[in-house]
Amino acid sequence: MVHGVIFDMDGLMFDTERMWDTFWPPVCARLGLPLPPLQFYSSGRGLAGANLLRHVEEYFPGQNARRLIDETWQQAAAAFARPVPCKPGLFELLDWLKEHDIPCAVASSSPRAMVQRNLDNTGAAPYIRAVVGGEDVHRSKPDPEAFLLAAARLGVPIAECLVLEDSHNGVRAGRAAGAVTVMVPDLMPVTDEMRGLYTACCESLLDVRGLLAAGRL
């Protein structure tokens, strides 16, 4: 039975993955770098820290990778100073969890301040008991560290936590942590690997609420 819920943020709570895809090209142009190919975006979703740096270095070697990341994060911070669009069903699910006294956390690869700003700007902050940001962990997803830390901060065993993720690396991390893991796809397709890892797949957060209400998670 689920006694805690851990949300990813980008692409899961908020429709921000599409926003991230728009940040890289203008920074590349400003730095005189070529535009990244489509694979750059698809294979880099859910990465942060050293994992993100290694990914960017594959396409932009040397000092260009660090500069590109730093300036892209600056552009993202400016964009996220305003409220971001919420994913369908977010508040219906949060209200249901609140009514049933199930605590919630967010475990994201984004900086904690950026996570908190999005929560505050959208009105989701009062529902969230704990936040784990990229700087809180040594190893980013697909490593399970972020989810394990979030469960500890909730005071709920990870095996009794529901992890909600949209990315492949997030699903891998949820499964590795030992959590009940549900994929709610955004920009990344459901693959055979994902089907072998997640507990269930839902089209939206409304469907997640439905499974919880039916006692199927």
C-alpha atoms as a PDB file:
ATOM      1  CA  MET A   1       0.000   0.000   0.000  1.00  0.00           C
ATOM      2  CA  VAL A   2       1.213   3.506  -0.843  1.00  0.00           C
ATOM      3  CA  HIS A   3       1.945   5.744   2.150  1.00  0.00           C
ATOM      4  CA  GLY A   4       3.928   8.461   0.357  1.00  0.00           C
ATOM      5  CA  VAL A   5       4.208   9.895  -3.139  1.00  0.00           C
ATOM      6  CA  ILE A   6       7.364  11.270  -4.762  1.00  0.00           C
ATOM      7  CA  PHE A   7       6.889  13.446  -7.835  1.00  0.00           C
ATOM      8  CA  ASP A   8       9.410  14.253 -10.504  1.00  0.00           C
ATOM      9  CA  MET A   9       8.956  17.858 -11.633  1.00  0.00           C
ATOM     10  CA  ASP A  10       9.785  18.678 -15.273  1.00  0.00           C
ATOM     11  CA  GLY A  11       7.377  16.950 -17.626  1.00  0.00           C
ATOM     12  CA  LEU A  12       5.505  15.306 -14.746  1.00  0.00           C
ATOM     13  CA  MET A  13       4.059  18.066 -12.563  1.00  0.00           C
ATOM     14  CA  PHE A  14       4.684  20.910 -14.995  1.00  0.00           C
ATOM     15  CA  ASP A  15       4.762  21.108 -18.784  1.00  0.00           C
ATOM     16  CA  THR A  16       8.340  22.381 -18.784  1.00  0.00           C
ATOM     17  CA  GLU A  17      10.246  19.810 -20.868  1.00  0.00           C
ATOM     18  CA  ARG A  18       9.075  21.614 -24.007  1.00  0.00           C
ATOM     19  CA  MET A  19      10.300  24.864 -22.498  1.00  0.00           C
ATOM     20  CA  TRP A  20      13.745  23.374 -21.825  1.00  0.00           C
ATOM     21  CA  ASP A  21      14.027  22.402 -25.496  1.00  0.00           C
ATOM     22  CA  THR A  22      13.672  26.070 -26.455  1.00  0.00           C
ATOM     23  CA  PHE A  23      16.480  27.265 -24.167  1.00  0.00           C
ATOM     24  CA  TRP A  24      19.426  25.507 -25.805  1.00  0.00           C
ATOM     25  CA  PRO A  25      19.278  26.873 -29.408  1.00  0.00           C
ATOM     26  CA  PRO A  26      19.508  30.610 -28.595  1.00  0.00           C
ATOM     27  CA  VAL A  27      22.375  29.969 -26.188  1.00  0.00           C
ATOM     28  CA  CYS A  28      24.181  27.965 -28.873  1.00  0.00           C
ATOM     29  CA  ALA A  29      23.679  30.826 -31.324  1.00  0.00           C
ATOM     30  CA  ARG A  30      24.960  33.360 -28.802  1.00  0.00           C
ATOM     31  CA  LEU A  31      28.085  31.271 -28.169  1.00  0.00           C
ATOM     32  CA  GLY A  32      28.659  30.613 -31.873  1.00  0.00           C
ATOM     33  CA  LEU A  33      27.981  26.890 -31.513  1.00  0.00           C
ATOM     34  CA  PRO A  34      26.046  24.642 -33.937  1.00  0.00           C
ATOM     35  CA  LEU A  35      22.489  23.738 -33.087  1.00  0.00           C
ATOM     36  CA  PRO A  36      22.264  20.358 -31.320  1.00  0.00           C
ATOM     37  CA  PRO A  37      20.592  17.450 -33.148  1.00  0.00           C
ATOM     38  CA  LEU A  38      17.270  16.032 -31.970  1.00  0.00           C
ATOM     39  CA  GLN A  39      19.064  13.172 -30.223  1.00  0.00           C
ATOM     40  CA  PHE A  40      20.716  15.708 -27.930  1.00  0.00           C
ATOM     41  CA  TYR A  41      17.341  16.462 -26.369  1.00  0.00           C
ATOM     42  CA  SER A  42      15.866  12.964 -26.276  1.00  0.00           C
ATOM     43  CA  SER A  43      18.918  11.258 -24.772  1.00  0.00           C
ATOM     44  CA  GLY A  44      19.543  13.998 -22.227  1.00  0.00           C
ATOM     45  CA  ARG A  45      16.181  14.169 -20.490  1.00  0.00           C
ATOM     46  CA  GLY A  46      16.330  13.713 -16.721  1.00  0.00           C
ATOM     47  CA  LEU A  47      20.109  14.195 -16.537  1.00  0.00           C
ATOM     48  CA  ALA A  48      21.873  16.600 -14.190  1.00  0.00           C
ATOM     49  CA  GLY A  49      25.243  17.230 -12.612  1.00  0.00           C
ATOM     50  CA  ALA A  50      28.112  15.093 -13.888  1.00  0.00           C
ATOM     51  CA  ASN A  51      25.743  12.997 -16.000  1.00  0.00           C
ATOM     52  CA  LEU A  52      24.478  16.089 -17.817  1.00  0.00           C
ATOM     53  CA  LEU A  53      28.010  17.419 -18.307  1.00  0.00           C
ATOM     54  CA  ARG A  54      29.141  14.134 -19.861  1.00  0.00           C
ATOM     55  CA  HIS A  55      26.113  14.167 -22.132  1.00  0.00           C
ATOM     56  CA  VAL A  56      26.705  17.737 -23.341  1.00  0.00           C
ATOM     57  CA  GLU A  57      30.431  17.055 -23.820  1.00  0.00           C
ATOM     58  CA  GLU A  58      29.549  14.357 -26.353  1.00  0.00           C
ATOM     59  CA  TYR A  59      28.180  17.092 -28.610  1.00  0.00           C
ATOM     60  CA  PHE A  60      30.152  20.138 -27.428  1.00  0.00           C
ATOM     61  CA  PRO A  61      33.640  19.101 -26.264  1.00  0.00           C
ATOM     62  CA  GLY A  62      35.993  21.157 -24.115  1.00  0.00           C
ATOM     63  CA  GLN A  63      35.009  24.320 -22.270  1.00  0.00           C
ATOM     64  CA  ASN A  64      32.010  24.841 -24.543  1.00  0.00           C
ATOM     65  CA  ALA A  65      29.998  22.242 -22.618  1.00  0.00           C
ATOM     66  CA  ARG A  66      30.320  23.974 -19.258  1.00  0.00           C
ATOM     67  CA  ARG A  67      29.591  27.404 -20.755  1.00  0.00           C
ATOM     68  CA  LEU A  68      26.578  26.064 -22.621  1.00  0.00           C
ATOM     69  CA  ILE A  69      25.124  24.454 -19.494  1.00  0.00           C
ATOM     70  CA  ASP A  70      25.708  27.523 -17.309  1.00  0.00           C
ATOM     71  CA  GLU A  71      24.105  29.956 -19.744  1.00  0.00           C
ATOM     72  CA  THR A  72      21.196  27.631 -20.475  1.00  0.00           C
ATOM     73  CA  TRP A  73      20.457  27.321 -16.765  1.00  0.00           C
ATOM     74  CA  GLN A  74      20.525  31.131 -16.504  1.00  0.00           C
ATOM     75  CA  GLN A  75      17.995  31.389 -19.308  1.00  0.00           C
ATOM     76  CA  ALA A  76      15.828  28.753 -17.645  1.00  0.00           C
ATOM     77  CA  ALA A  77      15.933  30.563 -14.308  1.00  0.00           C
ATOM     78  CA  ALA A  78      14.668  33.742 -15.979  1.00  0.00           C
ATOM     79  CA  ALA A  79      11.863  31.877 -17.766  1.00  0.00           C
ATOM     80  CA  PHE A  80      10.805  30.052 -14.620  1.00  0.00           C
ATOM     81  CA  ALA A  81      10.480  33.295 -12.681  1.00  0.00           C
ATOM     82  CA  ARG A  82       6.928  33.263 -14.035  1.00  0.00           C
ATOM     83  CA  PRO A  83       4.293  30.566 -13.377  1.00  0.00           C
ATOM     84  CA  VAL A  84       4.735  27.512 -15.585  1.00  0.00           C
ATOM     85  CA  PRO A  85       1.893  25.418 -17.059  1.00  0.00           C
ATOM     86  CA  CYS A  86       0.724  22.514 -14.916  1.00  0.00           C
ATOM     87  CA  LYS A  87       0.174  19.042 -16.306  1.00  0.00           C
ATOM     88  CA  PRO A  88      -3.440  17.823 -16.516  1.00  0.00           C
ATOM     89  CA  GLY A  89      -4.726  16.329 -13.289  1.00  0.00           C
ATOM     90  CA  LEU A  90      -1.975  17.695 -11.035  1.00  0.00           C
ATOM     91  CA  PHE A  91      -4.200  19.435  -8.529  1.00  0.00           C
ATOM     92  CA  GLU A  92      -6.902  16.771  -8.666  1.00  0.00           C
ATOM     93  CA  LEU A  93      -4.252  14.251  -7.617  1.00  0.00           C
ATOM     94  CA  LEU A  94      -2.721  16.554  -4.996  1.00  0.00           C
ATOM     95  CA  ASP A  95      -6.150  17.231  -3.492  1.00  0.00           C
ATOM     96  CA  TRP A  96      -6.908  13.501  -3.330  1.00  0.00           C
ATOM     97  CA  LEU A  97      -3.599  12.783  -1.615  1.00  0.00           C
ATOM     98  CA  LYS A  98      -4.202  15.589   0.873  1.00  0.00           C
ATOM     99  CA  GLU A  99      -7.691  14.281   1.647  1.00  0.00           C
ATOM    100  CA  HIS A 100      -6.214  10.845   2.356  1.00  0.00           C
ATOM    101  CA  ASP A 101      -3.322  12.223   4.422  1.00  0.00           C
ATOM    102  CA  ILE A 102      -0.644  10.829   2.084  1.00  0.00           C
ATOM    103  CA  PRO A 103       2.485  13.013   2.232  1.00  0.00           C
ATOM    104  CA  CYS A 104       4.159  14.191  -0.962  1.00  0.00           C
ATOM    105  CA  ALA A 105       7.708  15.073  -1.975  1.00  0.00           C
ATOM    106  CA  VAL A 106       9.383  16.308  -5.144  1.00  0.00           C
ATOM    107  CA  ALA A 107      12.674  14.754  -6.292  1.00  0.00           C
ATOM    108  CA  SER A 108      14.061  16.639  -9.275  1.00  0.00           C
ATOM    109  CA  SER A 109      17.367  17.029 -11.069  1.00  0.00           C
ATOM    110  CA  SER A 110      16.723  20.774 -11.208  1.00  0.00           C
ATOM    111  CA  PRO A 111      18.173  23.095  -8.533  1.00  0.00           C
ATOM    112  CA  ARG A 112      16.113  23.173  -5.343  1.00  0.00           C
ATOM    113  CA  ALA A 113      15.484  26.922  -5.693  1.00  0.00           C
ATOM    114  CA  MET A 114      14.042  26.404  -9.180  1.00  0.00           C
ATOM    115  CA  VAL A 115      11.818  23.591  -7.927  1.00  0.00           C
ATOM    116  CA  GLN A 116      10.586  25.704  -5.023  1.00  0.00           C
ATOM    117  CA  ARG A 117       9.919  28.676  -7.303  1.00  0.00           C
ATOM    118  CA  ASN A 118       7.754  26.567  -9.602  1.00  0.00           C
ATOM    119  CA  LEU A 119       5.874  25.144  -6.632  1.00  0.00           C
ATOM    120  CA  ASP A 120       5.311  28.603  -5.160  1.00  0.00           C
ATOM    121  CA  ASN A 121       4.299  30.231  -8.454  1.00  0.00           C
ATOM    122  CA  THR A 122       1.733  27.551  -9.304  1.00  0.00           C
ATOM    123  CA  GLY A 123       0.246  27.188  -5.827  1.00  0.00           C
ATOM    124  CA  ALA A 124       1.455  23.598  -5.435  1.00  0.00           C
ATOM    125  CA  ALA A 125       3.868  24.340  -2.573  1.00  0.00           C
ATOM    126  CA  PRO A 126       1.390  23.776   0.312  1.00  0.00           C
ATOM    127  CA  TYR A 127       0.883  20.184  -0.831  1.00  0.00           C
ATOM    128  CA  ILE A 128       4.584  19.291  -0.758  1.00  0.00           C
ATOM    129  CA  ARG A 129       6.273  18.224   2.475  1.00  0.00           C
ATOM    130  CA  ALA A 130       9.824  17.719   1.174  1.00  0.00           C
ATOM    131  CA  VAL A 131      11.921  18.819  -1.815  1.00  0.00           C
ATOM    132  CA  VAL A 132      15.068  17.157  -3.138  1.00  0.00           C
ATOM    133  CA  GLY A 133      16.962  19.168  -5.748  1.00  0.00           C
ATOM    134  CA  GLY A 134      19.918  18.380  -7.933  1.00  0.00           C
ATOM    135  CA  GLU A 135      22.433  19.783  -5.453  1.00  0.00           C
ATOM    136  CA  ASP A 136      21.138  17.530  -2.667  1.00  0.00           C
ATOM    137  CA  VAL A 137      22.534  14.345  -4.196  1.00  0.00           C
ATOM    138  CA  HIS A 138      25.914  13.109  -5.370  1.00  0.00           C
ATOM    139  CA  ARG A 139      24.492  10.981  -8.196  1.00  0.00           C
ATOM    140  CA  SER A 140      21.617  12.049 -10.429  1.00  0.00           C
ATOM    141  CA  LYS A 141      18.984   9.813 -12.010  1.00  0.00           C
ATOM    142  CA  PRO A 142      19.097   6.984 -13.127  1.00  0.00           C
ATOM    143  CA  ASP A 143      20.798   6.531  -9.749  1.00  0.00           C
ATOM    144  CA  PRO A 144      18.106   6.072  -7.050  1.00  0.00           C
ATOM    145  CA  GLU A 145      19.719   8.457  -4.541  1.00  0.00           C
ATOM    146  CA  ALA A 146      17.207  11.289  -5.032  1.00  0.00           C
ATOM    147  CA  PHE A 147      14.200   9.037  -4.415  1.00  0.00           C
ATOM    148  CA  LEU A 148      15.783   7.369  -1.421  1.00  0.00           C
ATOM    149  CA  LEU A 149      16.515  10.773   0.112  1.00  0.00           C
ATOM    150  CA  ALA A 150      12.981  11.993  -0.597  1.00  0.00           C
ATOM    151  CA  ALA A 151      11.498   8.923   1.105  1.00  0.00           C
ATOM    152  CA  ALA A 152      13.750   9.476   4.119  1.00  0.00           C
ATOM    153  CA  ARG A 153      12.631  13.099   4.360  1.00  0.00           C
ATOM    154  CA  LEU A 154       9.002  11.978   4.235  1.00  0.00           C
ATOM    155  CA  GLY A 155       9.703   9.350   6.891  1.00  0.00           C
ATOM    156  CA  VAL A 156       8.146   6.665   4.691  1.00  0.00           C
ATOM    157  CA  PRO A 157       9.912   3.422   3.638  1.00  0.00           C
ATOM    158  CA  ILE A 158      10.781   3.596  -0.029  1.00  0.00           C
ATOM    159  CA  ALA A 159       8.915   0.336  -0.693  1.00  0.00           C
ATOM    160  CA  GLU A 160       5.739   2.119   0.474  1.00  0.00           C
ATOM    161  CA  CYS A 161       6.345   5.147  -1.770  1.00  0.00           C
ATOM    162  CA  LEU A 162       4.865   5.768  -5.195  1.00  0.00           C
ATOM    163  CA  VAL A 163       7.331   7.369  -7.625  1.00  0.00           C
ATOM    164  CA  LEU A 164       5.770   9.275 -10.529  1.00  0.00           C
ATOM    165  CA  GLU A 165       8.039   9.833 -13.515  1.00  0.00           C
ATOM    166  CA  ASP A 166       7.876  10.783 -17.188  1.00  0.00           C
ATOM    167  CA  SER A 167      11.494  10.089 -18.220  1.00  0.00           C
ATOM    168  CA  HIS A 168      13.327   6.839 -18.840  1.00  0.00           C
ATOM    169  CA  ASN A 169      16.087   7.730 -16.395  1.00  0.00           C
ATOM    170  CA  GLY A 170      13.474   8.555 -13.787  1.00  0.00           C
ATOM    171  CA  VAL A 171      11.711   5.224 -14.216  1.00  0.00           C
ATOM    172  CA  ARG A 172      15.061   3.449 -13.968  1.00  0.00           C
ATOM    173  CA  ALA A 173      15.795   5.326 -10.748  1.00  0.00           C
ATOM    174  CA  GLY A 174      12.391   4.571  -9.248  1.00  0.00           C
ATOM    175  CA  ARG A 175      12.731   0.873  -9.947  1.00  0.00           C
ATOM    176  CA  ALA A 176      16.318   0.809  -8.620  1.00  0.00           C
ATOM    177  CA  ALA A 177      15.141   2.518  -5.426  1.00  0.00           C
ATOM    178  CA  GLY A 178      12.569  -0.209  -4.812  1.00  0.00           C
ATOM    179  CA  ALA A 179       9.548   2.104  -5.072  1.00  0.00           C
ATOM    180  CA  VAL A 180       6.199   1.511  -6.707  1.00  0.00           C
ATOM    181  CA  THR A 181       6.951   3.247 -10.002  1.00  0.00           C
ATOM    182  CA  VAL A 182       4.416   4.695 -12.423  1.00  0.00           C
ATOM    183  CA  MET A 183       5.324   6.268 -15.731  1.00  0.00           C
ATOM    184  CA  VAL A 184       3.239   9.164 -17.023  1.00  0.00           C
ATOM    185  CA  PRO A 185       4.814   9.719 -20.470  1.00  0.00           C
ATOM    186  CA  ASP A 186       5.466  13.233 -21.719  1.00  0.00           C
ATOM    187  CA  LEU A 187       7.991  13.597 -24.558  1.00  0.00           C
ATOM    188  CA  MET A 188       9.650  10.205 -24.196  1.00  0.00           C
ATOM    189  CA  PRO A 189       7.957   7.083 -25.589  1.00  0.00           C
ATOM    190  CA  VAL A 190       7.090   3.981 -23.645  1.00  0.00           C
ATOM    191  CA  THR A 191       9.599   1.273 -24.560  1.00  0.00           C
ATOM    192  CA  ASP A 192       9.876  -2.428 -23.839  1.00  0.00           C
ATOM    193  CA  GLU A 193      12.556  -1.603 -21.277  1.00  0.00           C
ATOM    194  CA  MET A 194      10.185   0.747 -19.465  1.00  0.00           C
ATOM    195  CA  ARG A 195       7.386  -1.837 -19.495  1.00  0.00           C
ATOM    196  CA  GLY A 196       9.746  -4.200 -17.720  1.00  0.00           C
ATOM    197  CA  LEU A 197      10.536  -1.621 -15.045  1.00  0.00           C
ATOM    198  CA  TYR A 198       7.394   0.273 -14.106  1.00  0.00           C
ATOM    199  CA  THR A 199       4.437  -0.949 -12.073  1.00  0.00           C
ATOM    200  CA  ALA A 200       1.926   0.855 -14.281  1.00  0.00           C
ATOM    201  CA  CYS A 201       1.713   3.445 -17.050  1.00  0.00           C
ATOM    202  CA  CYS A 202      -0.873   6.242 -16.996  1.00  0.00           C
ATOM    203  CA  GLU A 203      -1.838   8.764 -19.636  1.00  0.00           C
ATOM    204  CA  SER A 204      -2.238  11.540 -17.074  1.00  0.00           C
ATOM    205  CA  LEU A 205      -2.105  12.307 -13.366  1.00  0.00           C
ATOM    206  CA  LEU A 206      -5.888  11.958 -13.337  1.00  0.00           C
ATOM    207  CA  ASP A 207      -5.404   8.294 -14.194  1.00  0.00           C
ATOM    208  CA  VAL A 208      -2.919   7.972 -11.332  1.00  0.00           C
ATOM    209  CA  ARG A 209      -5.582   9.277  -8.965  1.00  0.00           C
ATOM    210  CA  GLY A 210      -7.995   6.740 -10.389  1.00  0.00           C
ATOM    211  CA  LEU A 211      -5.631   3.826  -9.726  1.00  0.00           C
ATOM    212  CA  LEU A 212      -5.006   5.031  -6.180  1.00  0.00           C
ATOM    213  CA  ALA A 213      -8.711   5.490  -5.504  1.00  0.00           C
ATOM    214  CA  ALA A 214      -9.378   1.971  -6.798  1.00  0.00           C
ATOM    215  CA  GLY A 215      -6.679   0.539  -4.530  1.00  0.00           C
ATOM    216  CA  ARG A 216      -4.640  -0.688  -7.499  1.00  0.00           C
ATOM    217  CA  LEU A 217      -1.375   0.930  -6.389  1.00  0.00           C
END
